[in-house]
mmCIF file of all heavy atoms, coordinates in Angstrom:
data_MODEL
# 
_entry.id   MODEL 
# 
loop_
_atom_site.group_PDB 
_atom_site.id 
_atom_site.type_symbol 
_atom_site.label_atom_id 
_atom_site.label_alt_id 
_atom_site.label_comp_id 
_atom_site.label_asym_id 
_atom_site.label_entity_id 
_atom_site.label_seq_id 
_atom_site.pdbx_PDB_ins_code 
_atom_site.Cartn_x 
_atom_site.Cartn_y 
_atom_site.Cartn_z 
_atom_site.occupancy 
_atom_site.B_iso_or_equiv 
_atom_site.pdbx_formal_charge 
_atom_site.auth_seq_id 
_atom_site.auth_comp_id 
_atom_site.auth_asym_id 
_atom_site.auth_atom_id 
_atom_site.pdbx_PDB_model_num 
ATOM 1   N N   . THR A 1 1  ? 23.071  -4.473  -3.200 1.00 0.00 ? 1  THR A N   1 
ATOM 2   C CA  . THR A 1 1  ? 21.930  -4.578  -4.108 1.00 0.00 ? 1  THR A CA  1 
ATOM 3   C C   . THR A 1 1  ? 20.728  -3.791  -3.618 1.00 0.00 ? 1  THR A C   1 
ATOM 4   O O   . THR A 1 1  ? 19.803  -3.556  -4.373 1.00 0.00 ? 1  THR A O   1 
ATOM 5   C CB  . THR A 1 1  ? 21.511  -6.054  -4.295 1.00 0.00 ? 1  THR A CB  1 
ATOM 6   O OG1 . THR A 1 1  ? 21.216  -6.604  -3.015 1.00 0.00 ? 1  THR A OG1 1 
ATOM 7   C CG2 . THR A 1 1  ? 22.609  -6.848  -4.975 1.00 0.00 ? 1  THR A CG2 1 
ATOM 8   N N   . LEU A 1 2  ? 20.739  -3.401  -2.346 1.00 0.00 ? 2  LEU A N   1 
ATOM 9   C CA  . LEU A 1 2  ? 19.640  -2.596  -1.844 1.00 0.00 ? 2  LEU A CA  1 
ATOM 10  C C   . LEU A 1 2  ? 19.830  -1.146  -2.265 1.00 0.00 ? 2  LEU A C   1 
ATOM 11  O O   . LEU A 1 2  ? 20.963  -0.651  -2.304 1.00 0.00 ? 2  LEU A O   1 
ATOM 12  C CB  . LEU A 1 2  ? 19.569  -2.668  -0.316 1.00 0.00 ? 2  LEU A CB  1 
ATOM 13  C CG  . LEU A 1 2  ? 19.216  -4.038  0.259  1.00 0.00 ? 2  LEU A CG  1 
ATOM 14  C CD1 . LEU A 1 2  ? 19.303  -3.991  1.777  1.00 0.00 ? 2  LEU A CD1 1 
ATOM 15  C CD2 . LEU A 1 2  ? 17.840  -4.452  -0.177 1.00 0.00 ? 2  LEU A CD2 1 
ATOM 16  N N   . PRO A 1 3  ? 18.769  -0.430  -2.594 1.00 0.00 ? 3  PRO A N   1 
ATOM 17  C CA  . PRO A 1 3  ? 18.917  0.963   -2.984 1.00 0.00 ? 3  PRO A CA  1 
ATOM 18  C C   . PRO A 1 3  ? 19.427  1.792   -1.825 1.00 0.00 ? 3  PRO A C   1 
ATOM 19  O O   . PRO A 1 3  ? 19.042  1.596   -0.680 1.00 0.00 ? 3  PRO A O   1 
ATOM 20  C CB  . PRO A 1 3  ? 17.498  1.375   -3.384 1.00 0.00 ? 3  PRO A CB  1 
ATOM 21  C CG  . PRO A 1 3  ? 16.598  0.388   -2.738 1.00 0.00 ? 3  PRO A CG  1 
ATOM 22  C CD  . PRO A 1 3  ? 17.378  -0.882  -2.599 1.00 0.00 ? 3  PRO A CD  1 
ATOM 23  N N   . ALA A 1 4  ? 20.320  2.714   -2.133 1.00 0.00 ? 4  ALA A N   1 
ATOM 24  C CA  . ALA A 1 4  ? 20.868  3.588   -1.098 1.00 0.00 ? 4  ALA A CA  1 
ATOM 25  C C   . ALA A 1 4  ? 19.820  4.593   -0.673 1.00 0.00 ? 4  ALA A C   1 
ATOM 26  O O   . ALA A 1 4  ? 19.041  5.079   -1.491 1.00 0.00 ? 4  ALA A O   1 
ATOM 27  C CB  . ALA A 1 4  ? 22.094  4.319   -1.647 1.00 0.00 ? 4  ALA A CB  1 
ATOM 28  N N   . PRO A 1 5  ? 19.755  4.926   0.625  1.00 0.00 ? 5  PRO A N   1 
ATOM 29  C CA  . PRO A 1 5  ? 18.781  5.915   1.061  1.00 0.00 ? 5  PRO A CA  1 
ATOM 30  C C   . PRO A 1 5  ? 19.103  7.288   0.508  1.00 0.00 ? 5  PRO A C   1 
ATOM 31  O O   . PRO A 1 5  ? 20.268  7.646   0.337  1.00 0.00 ? 5  PRO A O   1 
ATOM 32  C CB  . PRO A 1 5  ? 18.899  5.889   2.591  1.00 0.00 ? 5  PRO A CB  1 
ATOM 33  C CG  . PRO A 1 5  ? 20.223  5.260   2.884  1.00 0.00 ? 5  PRO A CG  1 
ATOM 34  C CD  . PRO A 1 5  ? 20.562  4.384   1.718  1.00 0.00 ? 5  PRO A CD  1 
ATOM 35  N N   . VAL A 1 6  ? 18.059  8.033   0.206  1.00 0.00 ? 6  VAL A N   1 
ATOM 36  C CA  . VAL A 1 6  ? 18.237  9.385   -0.303 1.00 0.00 ? 6  VAL A CA  1 
ATOM 37  C C   . VAL A 1 6  ? 18.468  10.320  0.879  1.00 0.00 ? 6  VAL A C   1 
ATOM 38  O O   . VAL A 1 6  ? 17.657  10.341  1.808  1.00 0.00 ? 6  VAL A O   1 
ATOM 39  C CB  . VAL A 1 6  ? 16.986  9.836   -1.102 1.00 0.00 ? 6  VAL A CB  1 
ATOM 40  C CG1 . VAL A 1 6  ? 17.142  11.262  -1.585 1.00 0.00 ? 6  VAL A CG1 1 
ATOM 41  C CG2 . VAL A 1 6  ? 16.723  8.881   -2.246 1.00 0.00 ? 6  VAL A CG2 1 
ATOM 42  N N   . PRO A 1 7  ? 19.601  11.068  0.892  1.00 0.00 ? 7  PRO A N   1 
ATOM 43  C CA  . PRO A 1 7  ? 19.868  11.949  2.031  1.00 0.00 ? 7  PRO A CA  1 
ATOM 44  C C   . PRO A 1 7  ? 18.745  12.979  2.208  1.00 0.00 ? 7  PRO A C   1 
ATOM 45  O O   . PRO A 1 7  ? 18.265  13.564  1.244  1.00 0.00 ? 7  PRO A O   1 
ATOM 46  C CB  . PRO A 1 7  ? 21.167  12.647  1.641  1.00 0.00 ? 7  PRO A CB  1 
ATOM 47  C CG  . PRO A 1 7  ? 21.778  11.800  0.563  1.00 0.00 ? 7  PRO A CG  1 
ATOM 48  C CD  . PRO A 1 7  ? 20.637  11.116  -0.117 1.00 0.00 ? 7  PRO A CD  1 
ATOM 49  N N   . GLY A 1 8  ? 18.346  13.166  3.450  1.00 0.00 ? 8  GLY A N   1 
ATOM 50  C CA  . GLY A 1 8  ? 17.321  14.167  3.764  1.00 0.00 ? 8  GLY A CA  1 
ATOM 51  C C   . GLY A 1 8  ? 15.908  13.735  3.451  1.00 0.00 ? 8  GLY A C   1 
ATOM 52  O O   . GLY A 1 8  ? 14.962  14.469  3.701  1.00 0.00 ? 8  GLY A O   1 
ATOM 53  N N   . ALA A 1 9  ? 15.741  12.539  2.879  1.00 0.00 ? 9  ALA A N   1 
ATOM 54  C CA  . ALA A 1 9  ? 14.382  12.090  2.538  1.00 0.00 ? 9  ALA A CA  1 
ATOM 55  C C   . ALA A 1 9  ? 13.704  11.534  3.781  1.00 0.00 ? 9  ALA A C   1 
ATOM 56  O O   . ALA A 1 9  ? 14.307  10.830  4.571  1.00 0.00 ? 9  ALA A O   1 
ATOM 57  C CB  . ALA A 1 9  ? 14.437  11.013  1.458  1.00 0.00 ? 9  ALA A CB  1 
ATOM 58  N N   . HIS A 1 10 ? 12.458  11.880  3.945  1.00 0.00 ? 10 HIS A N   1 
ATOM 59  C CA  . HIS A 1 10 ? 11.668  11.373  5.061  1.00 0.00 ? 10 HIS A CA  1 
ATOM 60  C C   . HIS A 1 10 ? 10.419  10.735  4.494  1.00 0.00 ? 10 HIS A C   1 
ATOM 61  O O   . HIS A 1 10 ? 9.840   11.256  3.544  1.00 0.00 ? 10 HIS A O   1 
ATOM 62  C CB  . HIS A 1 10 ? 11.269  12.508  6.010  1.00 0.00 ? 10 HIS A CB  1 
ATOM 63  C CG  . HIS A 1 10 ? 12.447  13.202  6.624  1.00 0.00 ? 10 HIS A CG  1 
ATOM 64  N ND1 . HIS A 1 10 ? 13.188  12.647  7.624  1.00 0.00 ? 10 HIS A ND1 1 
ATOM 65  C CD2 . HIS A 1 10 ? 13.019  14.401  6.337  1.00 0.00 ? 10 HIS A CD2 1 
ATOM 66  C CE1 . HIS A 1 10 ? 14.169  13.482  7.956  1.00 0.00 ? 10 HIS A CE1 1 
ATOM 67  N NE2 . HIS A 1 10 ? 14.089  14.545  7.186  1.00 0.00 ? 10 HIS A NE2 1 
ATOM 68  N N   . PRO A 1 11 ? 10.003  9.622   5.075  1.00 0.00 ? 11 PRO A N   1 
ATOM 69  C CA  . PRO A 1 11 ? 8.761   9.021   4.569  1.00 0.00 ? 11 PRO A CA  1 
ATOM 70  C C   . PRO A 1 11 ? 7.585   9.968   4.774  1.00 0.00 ? 11 PRO A C   1 
ATOM 71  O O   . PRO A 1 11 ? 7.546   10.712  5.748  1.00 0.00 ? 11 PRO A O   1 
ATOM 72  C CB  . PRO A 1 11 ? 8.598   7.746   5.411  1.00 0.00 ? 11 PRO A CB  1 
ATOM 73  C CG  . PRO A 1 11 ? 9.527   7.894   6.573  1.00 0.00 ? 11 PRO A CG  1 
ATOM 74  C CD  . PRO A 1 11 ? 10.576  8.901   6.184  1.00 0.00 ? 11 PRO A CD  1 
ATOM 75  N N   . ALA A 1 12 ? 6.699   9.952   3.816  1.00 0.00 ? 12 ALA A N   1 
ATOM 76  C CA  . ALA A 1 12 ? 5.520   10.817  3.910  1.00 0.00 ? 12 ALA A CA  1 
ATOM 77  C C   . ALA A 1 12 ? 4.687   10.409  5.113  1.00 0.00 ? 12 ALA A C   1 
ATOM 78  O O   . ALA A 1 12 ? 4.560   9.233   5.429  1.00 0.00 ? 12 ALA A O   1 
ATOM 79  C CB  . ALA A 1 12 ? 4.689   10.706  2.637  1.00 0.00 ? 12 ALA A CB  1 
ATOM 80  N N   . SER A 1 13 ? 4.130   11.377  5.796  1.00 0.00 ? 13 SER A N   1 
ATOM 81  C CA  . SER A 1 13 ? 3.272   11.083  6.937  1.00 0.00 ? 13 SER A CA  1 
ATOM 82  C C   . SER A 1 13 ? 1.977   10.474  6.432  1.00 0.00 ? 13 SER A C   1 
ATOM 83  O O   . SER A 1 13 ? 1.345   11.010  5.528  1.00 0.00 ? 13 SER A O   1 
ATOM 84  C CB  . SER A 1 13 ? 2.945   12.368  7.699  1.00 0.00 ? 13 SER A CB  1 
ATOM 85  O OG  . SER A 1 13 ? 4.122   12.945  8.182  1.00 0.00 ? 13 SER A OG  1 
ATOM 86  N N   . PRO A 1 14 ? 1.596   9.332   7.007  1.00 0.00 ? 14 PRO A N   1 
ATOM 87  C CA  . PRO A 1 14 ? 0.345   8.727   6.555  1.00 0.00 ? 14 PRO A CA  1 
ATOM 88  C C   . PRO A 1 14 ? -0.847  9.565   6.998  1.00 0.00 ? 14 PRO A C   1 
ATOM 89  O O   . PRO A 1 14 ? -0.811  10.222  8.030  1.00 0.00 ? 14 PRO A O   1 
ATOM 90  C CB  . PRO A 1 14 ? 0.343   7.364   7.251  1.00 0.00 ? 14 PRO A CB  1 
ATOM 91  C CG  . PRO A 1 14 ? 1.245   7.529   8.431  1.00 0.00 ? 14 PRO A CG  1 
ATOM 92  C CD  . PRO A 1 14 ? 2.254   8.585   8.061  1.00 0.00 ? 14 PRO A CD  1 
ATOM 93  N N   . LEU A 1 15 ? -1.878  9.532   6.175  1.00 0.00 ? 15 LEU A N   1 
ATOM 94  C CA  . LEU A 1 15 ? -3.108  10.229  6.539  1.00 0.00 ? 15 LEU A CA  1 
ATOM 95  C C   . LEU A 1 15 ? -3.766  9.485   7.692  1.00 0.00 ? 15 LEU A C   1 
ATOM 96  O O   . LEU A 1 15 ? -3.654  8.265   7.792  1.00 0.00 ? 15 LEU A O   1 
ATOM 97  C CB  . LEU A 1 15 ? -4.057  10.274  5.333  1.00 0.00 ? 15 LEU A CB  1 
ATOM 98  C CG  . LEU A 1 15 ? -3.564  11.097  4.145  1.00 0.00 ? 15 LEU A CG  1 
ATOM 99  C CD1 . LEU A 1 15 ? -4.486  10.889  2.962  1.00 0.00 ? 15 LEU A CD1 1 
ATOM 100 C CD2 . LEU A 1 15 ? -3.461  12.562  4.512  1.00 0.00 ? 15 LEU A CD2 1 
ATOM 101 N N   . PRO A 1 16 ? -4.443  10.198  8.578  1.00 0.00 ? 16 PRO A N   1 
ATOM 102 C CA  . PRO A 1 16 ? -5.114  9.492   9.663  1.00 0.00 ? 16 PRO A CA  1 
ATOM 103 C C   . PRO A 1 16 ? -6.165  8.535   9.109  1.00 0.00 ? 16 PRO A C   1 
ATOM 104 O O   . PRO A 1 16 ? -6.841  8.843   8.129  1.00 0.00 ? 16 PRO A O   1 
ATOM 105 C CB  . PRO A 1 16 ? -5.759  10.615  10.485 1.00 0.00 ? 16 PRO A CB  1 
ATOM 106 C CG  . PRO A 1 16 ? -5.624  11.859  9.692  1.00 0.00 ? 16 PRO A CG  1 
ATOM 107 C CD  . PRO A 1 16 ? -4.626  11.629  8.606  1.00 0.00 ? 16 PRO A CD  1 
ATOM 108 N N   . ALA A 1 17 ? -6.255  7.371   9.744  1.00 0.00 ? 17 ALA A N   1 
ATOM 109 C CA  . ALA A 1 17 ? -7.200  6.358   9.284  1.00 0.00 ? 17 ALA A CA  1 
ATOM 110 C C   . ALA A 1 17 ? -8.632  6.796   9.603  1.00 0.00 ? 17 ALA A C   1 
ATOM 111 O O   . ALA A 1 17 ? -8.907  7.321   10.671 1.00 0.00 ? 17 ALA A O   1 
ATOM 112 C CB  . ALA A 1 17 ? -6.908  5.025   9.953  1.00 0.00 ? 17 ALA A CB  1 
ATOM 113 N N   . ALA A 1 18 ? -9.510  6.562   8.643  1.00 0.00 ? 18 ALA A N   1 
ATOM 114 C CA  . ALA A 1 18 ? -10.927 6.889   8.821  1.00 0.00 ? 18 ALA A CA  1 
ATOM 115 C C   . ALA A 1 18 ? -11.628 5.710   9.488  1.00 0.00 ? 18 ALA A C   1 
ATOM 116 O O   . ALA A 1 18 ? -11.207 4.566   9.341  1.00 0.00 ? 18 ALA A O   1 
ATOM 117 C CB  . ALA A 1 18 ? -11.561 7.176   7.464  1.00 0.00 ? 18 ALA A CB  1 
ATOM 118 N N   . PRO A 1 19 ? -12.701 5.975   10.211 1.00 0.00 ? 19 PRO A N   1 
ATOM 119 C CA  . PRO A 1 19 ? -13.436 4.844   10.805 1.00 0.00 ? 19 PRO A CA  1 
ATOM 120 C C   . PRO A 1 19 ? -14.202 4.071   9.729  1.00 0.00 ? 19 PRO A C   1 
ATOM 121 O O   . PRO A 1 19 ? -14.663 4.652   8.752  1.00 0.00 ? 19 PRO A O   1 
ATOM 122 C CB  . PRO A 1 19 ? -14.385 5.509   11.793 1.00 0.00 ? 19 PRO A CB  1 
ATOM 123 C CG  . PRO A 1 19 ? -14.475 6.931   11.390 1.00 0.00 ? 19 PRO A CG  1 
ATOM 124 C CD  . PRO A 1 19 ? -13.235 7.263   10.617 1.00 0.00 ? 19 PRO A CD  1 
ATOM 125 N N   . ILE A 1 20 ? -14.281 2.775   9.934  1.00 0.00 ? 20 ILE A N   1 
ATOM 126 C CA  . ILE A 1 20 ? -15.075 1.912   9.058  1.00 0.00 ? 20 ILE A CA  1 
ATOM 127 C C   . ILE A 1 20 ? -16.064 1.133   9.933  1.00 0.00 ? 20 ILE A C   1 
ATOM 128 O O   . ILE A 1 20 ? -15.875 1.024   11.140 1.00 0.00 ? 20 ILE A O   1 
ATOM 129 C CB  . ILE A 1 20 ? -14.206 0.933   8.240  1.00 0.00 ? 20 ILE A CB  1 
ATOM 130 C CG1 . ILE A 1 20 ? -13.446 -0.027  9.176  1.00 0.00 ? 20 ILE A CG1 1 
ATOM 131 C CG2 . ILE A 1 20 ? -13.244 1.682   7.326  1.00 0.00 ? 20 ILE A CG2 1 
ATOM 132 C CD1 . ILE A 1 20 ? -12.793 -1.196  8.459  1.00 0.00 ? 20 ILE A CD1 1 
ATOM 133 N N   . THR A 1 21 ? -17.089 0.605   9.308  1.00 0.00 ? 21 THR A N   1 
ATOM 134 C CA  . THR A 1 21 ? -18.077 -0.201  10.021 1.00 0.00 ? 21 THR A CA  1 
ATOM 135 C C   . THR A 1 21 ? -17.971 -1.646  9.542  1.00 0.00 ? 21 THR A C   1 
ATOM 136 O O   . THR A 1 21 ? -17.961 -1.908  8.336  1.00 0.00 ? 21 THR A O   1 
ATOM 137 C CB  . THR A 1 21 ? -19.495 0.327   9.771  1.00 0.00 ? 21 THR A CB  1 
ATOM 138 O OG1 . THR A 1 21 ? -19.570 1.684   10.232 1.00 0.00 ? 21 THR A OG1 1 
ATOM 139 C CG2 . THR A 1 21 ? -20.532 -0.511  10.498 1.00 0.00 ? 21 THR A CG2 1 
ATOM 140 N N   . VAL A 1 22 ? -17.864 -2.560  10.496 1.00 0.00 ? 22 VAL A N   1 
ATOM 141 C CA  . VAL A 1 22 ? -17.820 -3.989  10.190 1.00 0.00 ? 22 VAL A CA  1 
ATOM 142 C C   . VAL A 1 22 ? -19.009 -4.642  10.889 1.00 0.00 ? 22 VAL A C   1 
ATOM 143 O O   . VAL A 1 22 ? -19.263 -4.393  12.067 1.00 0.00 ? 22 VAL A O   1 
ATOM 144 C CB  . VAL A 1 22 ? -16.503 -4.622  10.684 1.00 0.00 ? 22 VAL A CB  1 
ATOM 145 C CG1 . VAL A 1 22 ? -16.481 -6.122  10.383 1.00 0.00 ? 22 VAL A CG1 1 
ATOM 146 C CG2 . VAL A 1 22 ? -15.299 -3.933  10.049 1.00 0.00 ? 22 VAL A CG2 1 
ATOM 147 N N   . HIS A 1 23 ? -19.760 -5.441  10.148 1.00 0.00 ? 23 HIS A N   1 
ATOM 148 C CA  . HIS A 1 23 ? -20.913 -6.159  10.684 1.00 0.00 ? 23 HIS A CA  1 
ATOM 149 C C   . HIS A 1 23 ? -20.422 -7.536  11.130 1.00 0.00 ? 23 HIS A C   1 
ATOM 150 O O   . HIS A 1 23 ? -19.920 -8.311  10.318 1.00 0.00 ? 23 HIS A O   1 
ATOM 151 C CB  . HIS A 1 23 ? -22.019 -6.271  9.642  1.00 0.00 ? 23 HIS A CB  1 
ATOM 152 C CG  . HIS A 1 23 ? -22.353 -4.952  9.016  1.00 0.00 ? 23 HIS A CG  1 
ATOM 153 N ND1 . HIS A 1 23 ? -23.032 -3.961  9.701  1.00 0.00 ? 23 HIS A ND1 1 
ATOM 154 C CD2 . HIS A 1 23 ? -22.078 -4.441  7.791  1.00 0.00 ? 23 HIS A CD2 1 
ATOM 155 C CE1 . HIS A 1 23 ? -23.165 -2.907  8.917  1.00 0.00 ? 23 HIS A CE1 1 
ATOM 156 N NE2 . HIS A 1 23 ? -22.596 -3.177  7.754  1.00 0.00 ? 23 HIS A NE2 1 
ATOM 157 N N   . TYR A 1 24 ? -20.544 -7.809  12.406 1.00 0.00 ? 24 TYR A N   1 
ATOM 158 C CA  . TYR A 1 24 ? -19.974 -9.020  13.001 1.00 0.00 ? 24 TYR A CA  1 
ATOM 159 C C   . TYR A 1 24 ? -21.072 -9.867  13.615 1.00 0.00 ? 24 TYR A C   1 
ATOM 160 O O   . TYR A 1 24 ? -21.902 -9.375  14.372 1.00 0.00 ? 24 TYR A O   1 
ATOM 161 C CB  . TYR A 1 24 ? -18.947 -8.599  14.051 1.00 0.00 ? 24 TYR A CB  1 
ATOM 162 C CG  . TYR A 1 24 ? -18.409 -9.709  14.920 1.00 0.00 ? 24 TYR A CG  1 
ATOM 163 C CD1 . TYR A 1 24 ? -17.846 -10.863 14.374 1.00 0.00 ? 24 TYR A CD1 1 
ATOM 164 C CD2 . TYR A 1 24 ? -18.446 -9.598  16.310 1.00 0.00 ? 24 TYR A CD2 1 
ATOM 165 C CE1 . TYR A 1 24 ? -17.355 -11.861 15.179 1.00 0.00 ? 24 TYR A CE1 1 
ATOM 166 C CE2 . TYR A 1 24 ? -17.942 -10.599 17.123 1.00 0.00 ? 24 TYR A CE2 1 
ATOM 167 C CZ  . TYR A 1 24 ? -17.401 -11.727 16.549 1.00 0.00 ? 24 TYR A CZ  1 
ATOM 168 O OH  . TYR A 1 24 ? -16.906 -12.714 17.353 1.00 0.00 ? 24 TYR A OH  1 
ATOM 169 N N   . SER A 1 25 ? -21.082 -11.153 13.261 1.00 0.00 ? 25 SER A N   1 
ATOM 170 C CA  . SER A 1 25 ? -22.082 -12.093 13.781 1.00 0.00 ? 25 SER A CA  1 
ATOM 171 C C   . SER A 1 25 ? -21.387 -13.294 14.406 1.00 0.00 ? 25 SER A C   1 
ATOM 172 O O   . SER A 1 25 ? -20.319 -13.713 13.948 1.00 0.00 ? 25 SER A O   1 
ATOM 173 C CB  . SER A 1 25 ? -22.987 -12.607 12.661 1.00 0.00 ? 25 SER A CB  1 
ATOM 174 O OG  . SER A 1 25 ? -23.663 -11.551 12.036 1.00 0.00 ? 25 SER A OG  1 
# 
């Protein structure tokens, strides 16, 4: 029932994560 993998397919490379600002108290 699981989809068969596509031959030669590679997961897309994720974009590098950008910095975020979190205010912590």
